Amino acid sequence: MAYVRTDRVAEDIKKELSEMMRLRLRDPRLSEMASIVSVELARDFSHATVRVSVMGDETAQKDSIKALESAAGFMRRELGKRLHIHHTPQLHFELDTSIEYGVKIAKILRDLDVKPETEEENADEE
């Protein structure tokens, strides 16, 4: 219960940063397939770790993170104006590969081509 405000502010930061990425950032290095997955905010609001998913090759992923890092000051200033919080956190961007990993696992499972067991087959075995 004590961290409800931190969670709420982290969600607000995620929403605002997503909007800024979509509408305000014009860096050509930033992939159109980049999206913010989560924001982890320190309890004292000093730092926010922003996890970003980028669909594409490794170069597109690295370029997108570099673009976000170079825009961090601008984004922090905008957050301060929009959220009206006493201390606007330093932004740290990390690449999140969990979606990519999930797609890879799903493909492996599809490629196994295992036929699902039917109830009749289970009854025959017993």
C-alpha atoms as a PDB file:
ATOM      1  CA  MET A   1       0.000   0.000   0.000  1.00  0.00           C
ATOM      2  CA  ALA A   2       2.934   2.336   0.720  1.00  0.00           C
ATOM      3  CA  TYR A   3       4.082   2.279  -2.898  1.00  0.00           C
ATOM      4  CA  VAL A   4       0.773   3.117  -4.529  1.00  0.00           C
ATOM      5  CA  ARG A   5       1.866   6.680  -5.314  1.00  0.00           C
ATOM      6  CA  THR A   6       5.161   5.460  -6.799  1.00  0.00           C
ATOM      7  CA  ASP A   7       3.298   2.979  -8.997  1.00  0.00           C
ATOM      8  CA  ARG A   8       0.798   5.637 -10.086  1.00  0.00           C
ATOM      9  CA  VAL A   9       3.529   8.145 -10.961  1.00  0.00           C
ATOM     10  CA  ALA A  10       5.484   5.434 -12.822  1.00  0.00           C
ATOM     11  CA  GLU A  11       2.370   4.681 -14.893  1.00  0.00           C
ATOM     12  CA  ASP A  12       1.911   8.423 -15.584  1.00  0.00           C
ATOM     13  CA  ILE A  13       5.553   8.661 -16.687  1.00  0.00           C
ATOM     14  CA  LYS A  14       5.062   5.689 -19.014  1.00  0.00           C
ATOM     15  CA  LYS A  15       2.000   7.307 -20.577  1.00  0.00           C
ATOM     16  CA  GLU A  16       3.679  10.699 -21.025  1.00  0.00           C
ATOM     17  CA  LEU A  17       6.910   9.262 -22.439  1.00  0.00           C
ATOM     18  CA  SER A  18       4.946   7.104 -24.883  1.00  0.00           C
ATOM     19  CA  GLU A  19       3.091  10.156 -26.098  1.00  0.00           C
ATOM     20  CA  MET A  20       6.341  12.140 -26.442  1.00  0.00           C
ATOM     21  CA  MET A  21       7.958   9.318 -28.431  1.00  0.00           C
ATOM     22  CA  ARG A  22       5.002   9.232 -30.771  1.00  0.00           C
ATOM     23  CA  LEU A  23       4.412  12.946 -31.229  1.00  0.00           C
ATOM     24  CA  ARG A  24       7.442  15.016 -30.202  1.00  0.00           C
ATOM     25  CA  LEU A  25      10.649  13.114 -30.906  1.00  0.00           C
ATOM     26  CA  ARG A  26      11.933  13.510 -34.446  1.00  0.00           C
ATOM     27  CA  ASP A  27      15.211  11.617 -34.193  1.00  0.00           C
ATOM     28  CA  PRO A  28      15.613   9.421 -37.290  1.00  0.00           C
ATOM     29  CA  ARG A  29      17.418   6.799 -35.186  1.00  0.00           C
ATOM     30  CA  LEU A  30      14.242   6.148 -33.193  1.00  0.00           C
ATOM     31  CA  SER A  31      12.376   3.204 -34.698  1.00  0.00           C
ATOM     32  CA  GLU A  32       8.660   3.584 -35.316  1.00  0.00           C
ATOM     33  CA  MET A  33       8.373   0.111 -33.803  1.00  0.00           C
ATOM     34  CA  ALA A  34       9.692   1.241 -30.404  1.00  0.00           C
ATOM     35  CA  SER A  35       7.363   1.205 -27.425  1.00  0.00           C
ATOM     36  CA  ILE A  36       7.679   1.599 -23.681  1.00  0.00           C
ATOM     37  CA  VAL A  37       7.007  -1.651 -21.855  1.00  0.00           C
ATOM     38  CA  SER A  38       7.428  -0.509 -18.255  1.00  0.00           C
ATOM     39  CA  VAL A  39       8.828   2.160 -15.972  1.00  0.00           C
ATOM     40  CA  GLU A  40      10.438   1.340 -12.626  1.00  0.00           C
ATOM     41  CA  LEU A  41      10.592   4.381 -10.396  1.00  0.00           C
ATOM     42  CA  ALA A  42      12.806   4.722  -7.319  1.00  0.00           C
ATOM     43  CA  ARG A  43      10.855   5.348  -4.125  1.00  0.00           C
ATOM     44  CA  ASP A  44      12.450   8.791  -3.789  1.00  0.00           C
ATOM     45  CA  PHE A  45      11.683   9.603  -7.457  1.00  0.00           C
ATOM     46  CA  SER A  46      15.379  10.213  -8.162  1.00  0.00           C
ATOM     47  CA  HIS A  47      15.693   7.664 -10.995  1.00  0.00           C
ATOM     48  CA  ALA A  48      13.361   5.966 -13.439  1.00  0.00           C
ATOM     49  CA  THR A  49      14.374   2.916 -15.444  1.00  0.00           C
ATOM     50  CA  VAL A  50      12.421   2.877 -18.692  1.00  0.00           C
ATOM     51  CA  ARG A  51      12.222  -0.482 -20.446  1.00  0.00           C
ATOM     52  CA  VAL A  52      11.774  -0.128 -24.197  1.00  0.00           C
ATOM     53  CA  SER A  53      10.857  -2.809 -26.716  1.00  0.00           C
ATOM     54  CA  VAL A  54      12.076  -2.288 -30.276  1.00  0.00           C
ATOM     55  CA  MET A  55      10.986  -4.637 -33.033  1.00  0.00           C
ATOM     56  CA  GLY A  56      13.755  -4.944 -35.576  1.00  0.00           C
ATOM     57  CA  ASP A  57      17.363  -5.949 -35.891  1.00  0.00           C
ATOM     58  CA  GLU A  58      20.090  -5.273 -33.341  1.00  0.00           C
ATOM     59  CA  THR A  59      21.172  -2.064 -35.097  1.00  0.00           C
ATOM     60  CA  ALA A  60      17.648  -0.608 -34.927  1.00  0.00           C
ATOM     61  CA  GLN A  61      17.443  -1.534 -31.259  1.00  0.00           C
ATOM     62  CA  LYS A  62      20.773   0.092 -30.361  1.00  0.00           C
ATOM     63  CA  ASP A  63      20.017   3.193 -32.437  1.00  0.00           C
ATOM     64  CA  SER A  64      16.628   3.611 -30.769  1.00  0.00           C
ATOM     65  CA  ILE A  65      18.131   3.390 -27.280  1.00  0.00           C
ATOM     66  CA  LYS A  66      20.822   5.935 -28.258  1.00  0.00           C
ATOM     67  CA  ALA A  67      18.141   8.275 -29.621  1.00  0.00           C
ATOM     68  CA  LEU A  68      16.170   8.029 -26.377  1.00  0.00           C
ATOM     69  CA  GLU A  69      19.281   8.584 -24.274  1.00  0.00           C
ATOM     70  CA  SER A  70      20.137  11.709 -26.239  1.00  0.00           C
ATOM     71  CA  ALA A  71      16.575  12.995 -25.784  1.00  0.00           C
ATOM     72  CA  ALA A  72      16.486  12.185 -22.057  1.00  0.00           C
ATOM     73  CA  GLY A  73      17.062  15.799 -20.973  1.00  0.00           C
ATOM     74  CA  PHE A  74      14.250  17.096 -23.172  1.00  0.00           C
ATOM     75  CA  MET A  75      11.936  14.311 -22.012  1.00  0.00           C
ATOM     76  CA  ARG A  76      12.762  14.966 -18.353  1.00  0.00           C
ATOM     77  CA  ARG A  77      12.007  18.687 -18.745  1.00  0.00           C
ATOM     78  CA  GLU A  78       8.695  17.895 -20.431  1.00  0.00           C
ATOM     79  CA  LEU A  79       7.800  15.429 -17.676  1.00  0.00           C
ATOM     80  CA  GLY A  80       8.454  18.112 -15.075  1.00  0.00           C
ATOM     81  CA  LYS A  81       6.050  20.461 -16.849  1.00  0.00           C
ATOM     82  CA  ARG A  82       3.341  17.859 -17.389  1.00  0.00           C
ATOM     83  CA  LEU A  83       3.350  15.906 -14.115  1.00  0.00           C
ATOM     84  CA  HIS A  84       3.911  18.698 -11.583  1.00  0.00           C
ATOM     85  CA  ILE A  85       5.957  16.535  -9.227  1.00  0.00           C
ATOM     86  CA  HIS A  86       8.526  17.974  -6.843  1.00  0.00           C
ATOM     87  CA  HIS A  87      11.469  16.013  -8.230  1.00  0.00           C
ATOM     88  CA  THR A  88      11.555  14.823 -11.838  1.00  0.00           C
ATOM     89  CA  PRO A  89      13.568  11.597 -12.059  1.00  0.00           C
ATOM     90  CA  GLN A  90      16.677  10.988 -14.127  1.00  0.00           C
ATOM     91  CA  LEU A  91      15.691   8.745 -17.035  1.00  0.00           C
ATOM     92  CA  HIS A  92      17.626   5.582 -17.826  1.00  0.00           C
ATOM     93  CA  PHE A  93      16.642   3.558 -20.891  1.00  0.00           C
ATOM     94  CA  GLU A  94      17.077  -0.205 -21.196  1.00  0.00           C
ATOM     95  CA  LEU A  95      16.243  -2.530 -24.049  1.00  0.00           C
ATOM     96  CA  ASP A  96      13.487  -5.013 -23.145  1.00  0.00           C
ATOM     97  CA  THR A  97      13.669  -8.229 -25.149  1.00  0.00           C
ATOM     98  CA  SER A  98      10.878 -10.140 -23.401  1.00  0.00           C
ATOM     99  CA  ILE A  99       8.411  -9.734 -26.286  1.00  0.00           C
ATOM    100  CA  GLU A 100      11.022 -10.830 -28.803  1.00  0.00           C
ATOM    101  CA  TYR A 101      11.887 -13.800 -26.584  1.00  0.00           C
ATOM    102  CA  GLY A 102       8.206 -14.775 -26.332  1.00  0.00           C
ATOM    103  CA  VAL A 103       7.828 -14.682 -30.115  1.00  0.00           C
ATOM    104  CA  LYS A 104      10.919 -16.880 -30.472  1.00  0.00           C
ATOM    105  CA  ILE A 105       9.566 -19.448 -27.985  1.00  0.00           C
ATOM    106  CA  ALA A 106       6.160 -19.477 -29.703  1.00  0.00           C
ATOM    107  CA  LYS A 107       7.850 -20.123 -33.059  1.00  0.00           C
ATOM    108  CA  ILE A 108       9.873 -23.010 -31.603  1.00  0.00           C
ATOM    109  CA  LEU A 109       6.720 -24.544 -30.157  1.00  0.00           C
ATOM    110  CA  ARG A 110       4.879 -24.190 -33.480  1.00  0.00           C
ATOM    111  CA  ASP A 111       7.811 -25.778 -35.329  1.00  0.00           C
ATOM    112  CA  LEU A 112       7.752 -28.835 -33.065  1.00  0.00           C
ATOM    113  CA  ASP A 113       4.570 -29.899 -34.857  1.00  0.00           C
ATOM    114  CA  VAL A 114       3.332 -32.025 -31.969  1.00  0.00           C
ATOM    115  CA  LYS A 115      -0.197 -33.257 -32.453  1.00  0.00           C
ATOM    116  CA  PRO A 116      -2.428 -32.569 -29.464  1.00  0.00           C
ATOM    117  CA  GLU A 117      -3.607 -35.595 -27.544  1.00  0.00           C
ATOM    118  CA  THR A 118      -7.289 -36.346 -27.776  1.00  0.00           C
ATOM    119  CA  GLU A 119      -9.456 -37.725 -25.012  1.00  0.00           C
ATOM    120  CA  GLU A 120      -9.831 -41.003 -26.933  1.00  0.00           C
ATOM    121  CA  GLU A 121      -6.060 -41.557 -26.990  1.00  0.00           C
ATOM    122  CA  ASN A 122      -5.870 -40.908 -23.246  1.00  0.00           C
ATOM    123  CA  ALA A 123      -8.666 -43.454 -22.606  1.00  0.00           C
ATOM    124  CA  ASP A 124      -6.883 -46.100 -24.719  1.00  0.00           C
ATOM    125  CA  GLU A 125      -3.710 -45.738 -22.678  1.00  0.00           C
ATOM    126  CA  GLU A 126      -5.522 -46.359 -19.385  1.00  0.00           C
END
